Amino acid sequence: SRMPNAVFTIRATRVHRIWAKLTKLVKTSEATLLATFPAYTPKHYRCVSDVGRPPPDDLRRAHETPFPQAVSAVYTQLPESLDPRVKQLALQITGDAATSYDRVARLERWLSTQLTYALPESSTTAPEHPVEDFLFRTRKGHCEYFAASLAVMARTLGIPARVVNGYAAGTWSEVGGYYLVNDNDAHSWVEVFFPSLGWIDFDATPAVALSRREQGYKDLA
């Protein structure tokens, strides 16, 4: 049987419509879209998706509904070896924030303003405890460190969160009328679950490292 292909979209969890010649399209429990294309045909498709985050008041109201047990059971898990300082820091940052949205927004803002974006050096060995090392020692790293730290700190507060790997918007081609996305546009961010709204994007990587991605979303909006 033919293996399905992941469908790359802007805001994959909030896709409204897809145009393509497909033999099968499946949305997994992880909200990933998997498509099977006819044999020996180009893999072309178009998608329409909601690129914006719901209004803050909508996200705050979602706090009034408990998280589904099936979601919490998976997406609030943490390693037993996690340094307790991580939760202490999360509590310190969120302070008196009253809703899940406000807590995650404060974590996102703190990470993006207090820590530094830096690409890894070729000779650097991955630390045994990357989140702790990033937060308390180096205080600099690439998008995977920012995403992992945001997800872990959100989970220490009982908020379901997961790291997402994909691509930034890429570079717009005026001639071709499309975005050119390559390996240099690889990116990691976080999705946080809100009852009745689903998985919502949060990105703690400093804006200086996301200028192309943010400009792409402005162009698409």
C-alpha atoms as a PDB file:
ATOM      1  CA  SER A   1       0.000   0.000   0.000  1.00  0.00           C
ATOM      2  CA  ARG A   2       1.110   3.600  -0.624  1.00  0.00           C
ATOM      3  CA  MET A   3       2.380   5.560   2.374  1.00  0.00           C
ATOM      4  CA  PRO A   4       0.423   8.750   3.159  1.00  0.00           C
ATOM      5  CA  ASN A   5       2.123  12.142   3.003  1.00  0.00           C
ATOM      6  CA  ALA A   6       1.855  14.832   5.644  1.00  0.00           C
ATOM      7  CA  VAL A   7       0.010  17.897   4.371  1.00  0.00           C
ATOM      8  CA  PHE A   8       1.892  21.084   5.237  1.00  0.00           C
ATOM      9  CA  THR A   9      -0.353  24.092   5.820  1.00  0.00           C
ATOM     10  CA  ILE A  10      -0.439  27.376   7.661  1.00  0.00           C
ATOM     11  CA  ARG A  11      -2.162  26.564  10.990  1.00  0.00           C
ATOM     12  CA  ALA A  12      -2.727  22.890  10.199  1.00  0.00           C
ATOM     13  CA  THR A  13      -5.101  22.374  13.135  1.00  0.00           C
ATOM     14  CA  ARG A  14      -7.514  24.982  11.716  1.00  0.00           C
ATOM     15  CA  VAL A  15      -7.788  24.038   8.048  1.00  0.00           C
ATOM     16  CA  HIS A  16     -11.141  24.865   6.460  1.00  0.00           C
ATOM     17  CA  ARG A  17     -10.778  23.513   2.931  1.00  0.00           C
ATOM     18  CA  ILE A  18      -8.334  21.549   0.774  1.00  0.00           C
ATOM     19  CA  TRP A  19      -8.285  21.289  -3.024  1.00  0.00           C
ATOM     20  CA  ALA A  20      -6.341  18.320  -4.374  1.00  0.00           C
ATOM     21  CA  LYS A  21      -6.534  15.083  -6.322  1.00  0.00           C
ATOM     22  CA  LEU A  22      -6.430  12.566  -3.486  1.00  0.00           C
ATOM     23  CA  THR A  23      -7.373   8.976  -2.921  1.00  0.00           C
ATOM     24  CA  LYS A  24      -7.542   9.447   0.836  1.00  0.00           C
ATOM     25  CA  LEU A  25      -7.325  12.207   3.465  1.00  0.00           C
ATOM     26  CA  VAL A  26      -7.159  11.444   7.190  1.00  0.00           C
ATOM     27  CA  LYS A  27      -6.963  13.690  10.235  1.00  0.00           C
ATOM     28  CA  THR A  28      -5.150  11.836  13.016  1.00  0.00           C
ATOM     29  CA  SER A  29      -5.769  12.112  16.755  1.00  0.00           C
ATOM     30  CA  GLU A  30      -2.756  14.452  16.798  1.00  0.00           C
ATOM     31  CA  ALA A  31      -4.581  16.764  14.332  1.00  0.00           C
ATOM     32  CA  THR A  32      -2.080  15.913  11.577  1.00  0.00           C
ATOM     33  CA  LEU A  33      -3.452  15.729   8.038  1.00  0.00           C
ATOM     34  CA  LEU A  34      -2.255  12.697   6.073  1.00  0.00           C
ATOM     35  CA  ALA A  35      -2.988  12.520   2.358  1.00  0.00           C
ATOM     36  CA  THR A  36      -2.621   9.680  -0.131  1.00  0.00           C
ATOM     37  CA  PHE A  37      -2.119  10.866  -3.711  1.00  0.00           C
ATOM     38  CA  PRO A  38      -2.826   8.837  -6.856  1.00  0.00           C
ATOM     39  CA  ALA A  39       0.213   6.964  -8.118  1.00  0.00           C
ATOM     40  CA  TYR A  40       2.570   8.742 -10.503  1.00  0.00           C
ATOM     41  CA  THR A  41       0.889  12.160 -10.171  1.00  0.00           C
ATOM     42  CA  PRO A  42       2.375  15.463  -8.919  1.00  0.00           C
ATOM     43  CA  LYS A  43       1.640  16.188  -5.276  1.00  0.00           C
ATOM     44  CA  HIS A  44      -0.114  19.521  -5.681  1.00  0.00           C
ATOM     45  CA  TYR A  45      -2.725  20.879  -3.283  1.00  0.00           C
ATOM     46  CA  ARG A  46      -4.197  24.155  -2.044  1.00  0.00           C
ATOM     47  CA  CYS A  47      -5.438  24.855   1.478  1.00  0.00           C
ATOM     48  CA  VAL A  48      -7.478  27.521   3.214  1.00  0.00           C
ATOM     49  CA  SER A  49      -6.845  27.824   6.927  1.00  0.00           C
ATOM     50  CA  ASP A  50      -7.362  30.325   9.724  1.00  0.00           C
ATOM     51  CA  VAL A  51      -3.986  32.003  10.282  1.00  0.00           C
ATOM     52  CA  GLY A  52      -5.002  34.112  13.267  1.00  0.00           C
ATOM     53  CA  ARG A  53      -5.171  33.342  16.979  1.00  0.00           C
ATOM     54  CA  PRO A  54      -8.693  33.619  18.469  1.00  0.00           C
ATOM     55  CA  PRO A  55      -9.339  36.839  20.436  1.00  0.00           C
ATOM     56  CA  PRO A  56      -7.890  36.817  23.985  1.00  0.00           C
ATOM     57  CA  ASP A  57     -11.370  37.014  25.526  1.00  0.00           C
ATOM     58  CA  ASP A  58     -12.407  33.816  23.708  1.00  0.00           C
ATOM     59  CA  LEU A  59      -9.284  32.062  24.984  1.00  0.00           C
ATOM     60  CA  ARG A  60      -9.936  33.305  28.520  1.00  0.00           C
ATOM     61  CA  ARG A  61     -13.523  32.034  28.459  1.00  0.00           C
ATOM     62  CA  ALA A  62     -12.287  28.598  27.410  1.00  0.00           C
ATOM     63  CA  HIS A  63     -10.633  28.383  30.856  1.00  0.00           C
ATOM     64  CA  GLU A  64     -14.101  27.930  32.377  1.00  0.00           C
ATOM     65  CA  THR A  65     -14.381  24.464  30.783  1.00  0.00           C
ATOM     66  CA  PRO A  66     -12.265  21.592  32.213  1.00  0.00           C
ATOM     67  CA  PHE A  67      -9.656  19.984  29.977  1.00  0.00           C
ATOM     68  CA  PRO A  68     -10.759  16.621  28.525  1.00  0.00           C
ATOM     69  CA  GLN A  69      -9.183  13.781  30.485  1.00  0.00           C
ATOM     70  CA  ALA A  70      -7.894  12.145  27.305  1.00  0.00           C
ATOM     71  CA  VAL A  71      -5.987  15.328  26.459  1.00  0.00           C
ATOM     72  CA  SER A  72      -4.636  16.023  29.950  1.00  0.00           C
ATOM     73  CA  ALA A  73      -3.508  12.424  30.409  1.00  0.00           C
ATOM     74  CA  VAL A  74      -1.128  12.708  27.449  1.00  0.00           C
ATOM     75  CA  TYR A  75      -0.167  16.362  27.155  1.00  0.00           C
ATOM     76  CA  THR A  76       0.612  17.217  30.771  1.00  0.00           C
ATOM     77  CA  GLN A  77       3.115  14.381  31.214  1.00  0.00           C
ATOM     78  CA  LEU A  78       6.557  15.341  32.525  1.00  0.00           C
ATOM     79  CA  PRO A  79       9.752  13.361  33.192  1.00  0.00           C
ATOM     80  CA  GLU A  80      10.291  12.407  36.828  1.00  0.00           C
ATOM     81  CA  SER A  81      13.810  13.810  36.566  1.00  0.00           C
ATOM     82  CA  LEU A  82      12.590  17.333  35.736  1.00  0.00           C
ATOM     83  CA  ASP A  83      14.335  19.917  37.890  1.00  0.00           C
ATOM     84  CA  PRO A  84      11.780  21.434  40.344  1.00  0.00           C
ATOM     85  CA  ARG A  85      13.213  24.861  39.536  1.00  0.00           C
ATOM     86  CA  VAL A  86      11.380  24.714  36.190  1.00  0.00           C
ATOM     87  CA  LYS A  87       7.954  24.732  37.885  1.00  0.00           C
ATOM     88  CA  GLN A  88       9.110  27.322  40.395  1.00  0.00           C
ATOM     89  CA  LEU A  89      10.161  29.571  37.526  1.00  0.00           C
ATOM     90  CA  ALA A  90       6.845  29.020  35.722  1.00  0.00           C
ATOM     91  CA  LEU A  91       4.934  29.983  38.881  1.00  0.00           C
ATOM     92  CA  GLN A  92       7.112  33.043  39.354  1.00  0.00           C
ATOM     93  CA  ILE A  93       6.559  34.216  35.782  1.00  0.00           C
ATOM     94  CA  THR A  94       2.793  33.638  35.698  1.00  0.00           C
ATOM     95  CA  GLY A  95       2.201  35.166  39.127  1.00  0.00           C
ATOM     96  CA  ASP A  96      -1.460  36.108  39.596  1.00  0.00           C
ATOM     97  CA  ALA A  97      -2.561  35.256  36.046  1.00  0.00           C
ATOM     98  CA  ALA A  98      -6.080  33.878  36.400  1.00  0.00           C
ATOM     99  CA  THR A  99      -6.558  31.854  33.198  1.00  0.00           C
ATOM    100  CA  SER A 100      -4.629  29.337  31.143  1.00  0.00           C
ATOM    101  CA  TYR A 101      -4.355  31.840  28.307  1.00  0.00           C
ATOM    102  CA  ASP A 102      -2.858  34.550  30.507  1.00  0.00           C
ATOM    103  CA  ARG A 103      -0.406  32.097  32.068  1.00  0.00           C
ATOM    104  CA  VAL A 104       0.827  30.796  28.717  1.00  0.00           C
ATOM    105  CA  ALA A 105       0.965  34.316  27.275  1.00  0.00           C
ATOM    106  CA  ARG A 106       3.179  35.423  30.180  1.00  0.00           C
ATOM    107  CA  LEU A 107       5.467  32.423  29.681  1.00  0.00           C
ATOM    108  CA  GLU A 108       5.649  33.129  25.943  1.00  0.00           C
ATOM    109  CA  ARG A 109       6.491  36.795  26.524  1.00  0.00           C
ATOM    110  CA  TRP A 110       9.101  36.047  29.198  1.00  0.00           C
ATOM    111  CA  LEU A 111      10.932  33.510  27.070  1.00  0.00           C
ATOM    112  CA  SER A 112      10.930  35.741  23.991  1.00  0.00           C
ATOM    113  CA  THR A 113      12.233  38.785  25.860  1.00  0.00           C
ATOM    114  CA  GLN A 114      14.524  37.392  28.535  1.00  0.00           C
ATOM    115  CA  LEU A 115      16.415  34.677  26.612  1.00  0.00           C
ATOM    116  CA  THR A 116      18.488  34.926  23.451  1.00  0.00           C
ATOM    117  CA  TYR A 117      18.087  33.224  20.072  1.00  0.00           C
ATOM    118  CA  ALA A 118      21.281  31.529  18.848  1.00  0.00           C
ATOM    119  CA  LEU A 119      22.007  28.817  16.299  1.00  0.00           C
ATOM    120  CA  PRO A 120      23.888  25.774  17.621  1.00  0.00           C
ATOM    121  CA  GLU A 121      27.620  25.539  17.162  1.00  0.00           C
ATOM    122  CA  SER A 122      28.770  22.513  15.191  1.00  0.00           C
ATOM    123  CA  SER A 123      31.008  21.355  18.040  1.00  0.00           C
ATOM    124  CA  THR A 124      28.323  21.697  20.722  1.00  0.00           C
ATOM    125  CA  THR A 125      27.221  18.485  22.449  1.00  0.00           C
ATOM    126  CA  ALA A 126      23.541  18.269  23.350  1.00  0.00           C
ATOM    127  CA  PRO A 127      23.060  18.652  27.126  1.00  0.00           C
ATOM    128  CA  GLU A 128      21.616  15.814  29.185  1.00  0.00           C
ATOM    129  CA  HIS A 129      18.813  18.066  30.448  1.00  0.00           C
ATOM    130  CA  PRO A 130      18.254  20.583  27.620  1.00  0.00           C
ATOM    131  CA  VAL A 131      15.379  22.578  29.130  1.00  0.00           C
ATOM    132  CA  GLU A 132      17.099  23.092  32.468  1.00  0.00           C
ATOM    133  CA  ASP A 133      20.386  23.893  30.743  1.00  0.00           C
ATOM    134  CA  PHE A 134      18.677  26.459  28.514  1.00  0.00           C
ATOM    135  CA  LEU A 135      16.701  28.161  31.282  1.00  0.00           C
ATOM    136  CA  PHE A 136      19.305  28.271  34.033  1.00  0.00           C
ATOM    137  CA  ARG A 137      22.757  28.101  32.429  1.00  0.00           C
ATOM    138  CA  THR A 138      23.193  29.118  28.786  1.00  0.00           C
ATOM    139  CA  ARG A 139      20.003  31.227  28.462  1.00  0.00           C
ATOM    140  CA  LYS A 140      20.392  31.079  24.691  1.00  0.00           C
ATOM    141  CA  GLY A 141      19.405  28.585  22.008  1.00  0.00           C
ATOM    142  CA  HIS A 142      17.426  27.957  18.833  1.00  0.00           C
ATOM    143  CA  CYS A 143      13.697  27.510  18.305  1.00  0.00           C
ATOM    144  CA  GLU A 144      13.574  23.947  19.636  1.00  0.00           C
ATOM    145  CA  TYR A 145      14.812  25.130  23.029  1.00  0.00           C
ATOM    146  CA  PHE A 146      12.248  27.936  23.179  1.00  0.00           C
ATOM    147  CA  ALA A 147       9.428  25.593  22.151  1.00  0.00           C
ATOM    148  CA  ALA A 148      10.411  22.796  24.529  1.00  0.00           C
ATOM    149  CA  SER A 149      10.767  25.209  27.448  1.00  0.00           C
ATOM    150  CA  LEU A 150       7.366  26.790  26.821  1.00  0.00           C
ATOM    151  CA  ALA A 151       5.661  23.398  26.532  1.00  0.00           C
ATOM    152  CA  VAL A 152       7.328  21.995  29.649  1.00  0.00           C
ATOM    153  CA  MET A 153       6.603  25.057  31.784  1.00  0.00           C
ATOM    154  CA  ALA A 154       2.968  25.077  30.637  1.00  0.00           C
ATOM    155  CA  ARG A 155       2.685  21.406  31.579  1.00  0.00           C
ATOM    156  CA  THR A 156       4.089  22.066  35.053  1.00  0.00           C
ATOM    157  CA  LEU A 157       1.031  24.305  35.529  1.00  0.00           C
ATOM    158  CA  GLY A 158      -1.347  21.556  34.389  1.00  0.00           C
ATOM    159  CA  ILE A 159      -1.935  23.099  30.953  1.00  0.00           C
ATOM    160  CA  PRO A 160      -1.891  20.633  28.001  1.00  0.00           C
ATOM    161  CA  ALA A 161       0.837  21.634  25.546  1.00  0.00           C
ATOM    162  CA  ARG A 162       2.885  20.028  22.797  1.00  0.00           C
ATOM    163  CA  VAL A 163       5.842  20.930  20.584  1.00  0.00           C
ATOM    164  CA  VAL A 164       5.179  21.175  16.844  1.00  0.00           C
ATOM    165  CA  ASN A 165       7.811  20.868  14.133  1.00  0.00           C
ATOM    166  CA  GLY A 166       7.204  22.318  10.697  1.00  0.00           C
ATOM    167  CA  TYR A 167       8.203  25.237   8.512  1.00  0.00           C
ATOM    168  CA  ALA A 168       7.981  28.995   8.535  1.00  0.00           C
ATOM    169  CA  ALA A 169       6.118  30.776   5.744  1.00  0.00           C
ATOM    170  CA  GLY A 170       9.186  30.917   3.496  1.00  0.00           C
ATOM    171  CA  THR A 171       9.971  33.539   0.863  1.00  0.00           C
ATOM    172  CA  TRP A 172       7.324  34.977  -1.448  1.00  0.00           C
ATOM    173  CA  SER A 173       8.011  34.672  -5.176  1.00  0.00           C
ATOM    174  CA  GLU A 174       6.515  37.610  -7.048  1.00  0.00           C
ATOM    175  CA  VAL A 175       7.144  35.879 -10.366  1.00  0.00           C
ATOM    176  CA  GLY A 176       5.656  32.511  -9.493  1.00  0.00           C
ATOM    177  CA  GLY A 177       2.995  33.748  -7.081  1.00  0.00           C
ATOM    178  CA  TYR A 178       3.895  31.274  -4.342  1.00  0.00           C
ATOM    179  CA  TYR A 179       5.960  30.876  -1.161  1.00  0.00           C
ATOM    180  CA  LEU A 180       9.252  29.034  -1.560  1.00  0.00           C
ATOM    181  CA  VAL A 181       9.893  26.940   1.557  1.00  0.00           C
ATOM    182  CA  ASN A 182      13.179  25.104   2.076  1.00  0.00           C
ATOM    183  CA  ASP A 183      15.136  23.458   4.893  1.00  0.00           C
ATOM    184  CA  ASN A 184      16.309  26.844   6.195  1.00  0.00           C
ATOM    185  CA  ASP A 185      12.672  27.599   7.064  1.00  0.00           C
ATOM    186  CA  ALA A 186      12.372  24.637   9.461  1.00  0.00           C
ATOM    187  CA  HIS A 187      10.867  25.811  12.744  1.00  0.00           C
ATOM    188  CA  SER A 188       9.451  24.583  16.065  1.00  0.00           C
ATOM    189  CA  TRP A 189       6.670  26.159  18.103  1.00  0.00           C
ATOM    190  CA  VAL A 190       4.032  25.144  20.645  1.00  0.00           C
ATOM    191  CA  GLU A 191       0.339  24.302  20.542  1.00  0.00           C
ATOM    192  CA  VAL A 192      -1.744  24.694  23.696  1.00  0.00           C
ATOM    193  CA  PHE A 193      -5.137  23.030  24.075  1.00  0.00           C
ATOM    194  CA  PHE A 194      -8.209  25.133  24.842  1.00  0.00           C
ATOM    195  CA  PRO A 195     -11.589  23.421  25.386  1.00  0.00           C
ATOM    196  CA  SER A 196     -14.074  24.164  22.568  1.00  0.00           C
ATOM    197  CA  LEU A 197     -11.297  25.840  20.542  1.00  0.00           C
ATOM    198  CA  GLY A 198      -8.753  23.035  20.123  1.00  0.00           C
ATOM    199  CA  TRP A 199      -4.993  23.447  19.671  1.00  0.00           C
ATOM    200  CA  ILE A 200      -3.818  27.068  19.491  1.00  0.00           C
ATOM    201  CA  ASP A 201      -0.337  28.231  18.436  1.00  0.00           C
ATOM    202  CA  PHE A 202       2.111  30.000  20.746  1.00  0.00           C
ATOM    203  CA  ASP A 203       5.656  30.859  19.688  1.00  0.00           C
ATOM    204  CA  ALA A 204       8.266  31.936  22.230  1.00  0.00           C
ATOM    205  CA  THR A 205      11.169  32.254  19.785  1.00  0.00           C
ATOM    206  CA  PRO A 206      12.264  35.930  19.733  1.00  0.00           C
ATOM    207  CA  ALA A 207      10.737  37.975  16.939  1.00  0.00           C
ATOM    208  CA  VAL A 208      14.135  38.768  15.429  1.00  0.00           C
ATOM    209  CA  ALA A 209      14.443  35.107  14.476  1.00  0.00           C
ATOM    210  CA  LEU A 210      10.921  35.004  13.015  1.00  0.00           C
ATOM    211  CA  SER A 211      10.841  38.103  10.837  1.00  0.00           C
ATOM    212  CA  ARG A 212      10.298  36.154   7.625  1.00  0.00           C
ATOM    213  CA  ARG A 213       7.654  33.935   9.199  1.00  0.00           C
ATOM    214  CA  GLU A 214       5.713  36.863  10.652  1.00  0.00           C
ATOM    215  CA  GLN A 215       5.896  38.810   7.395  1.00  0.00           C
ATOM    216  CA  GLY A 216       4.576  35.772   5.580  1.00  0.00           C
ATOM    217  CA  TYR A 217       1.531  35.612   7.854  1.00  0.00           C
ATOM    218  CA  LYS A 218       0.896  39.336   7.286  1.00  0.00           C
ATOM    219  CA  ASP A 219       0.978  38.769   3.536  1.00  0.00           C
ATOM    220  CA  LEU A 220      -1.422  35.843   3.825  1.00  0.00           C
ATOM    221  CA  ALA A 221      -3.890  37.575   6.148  1.00  0.00           C
END
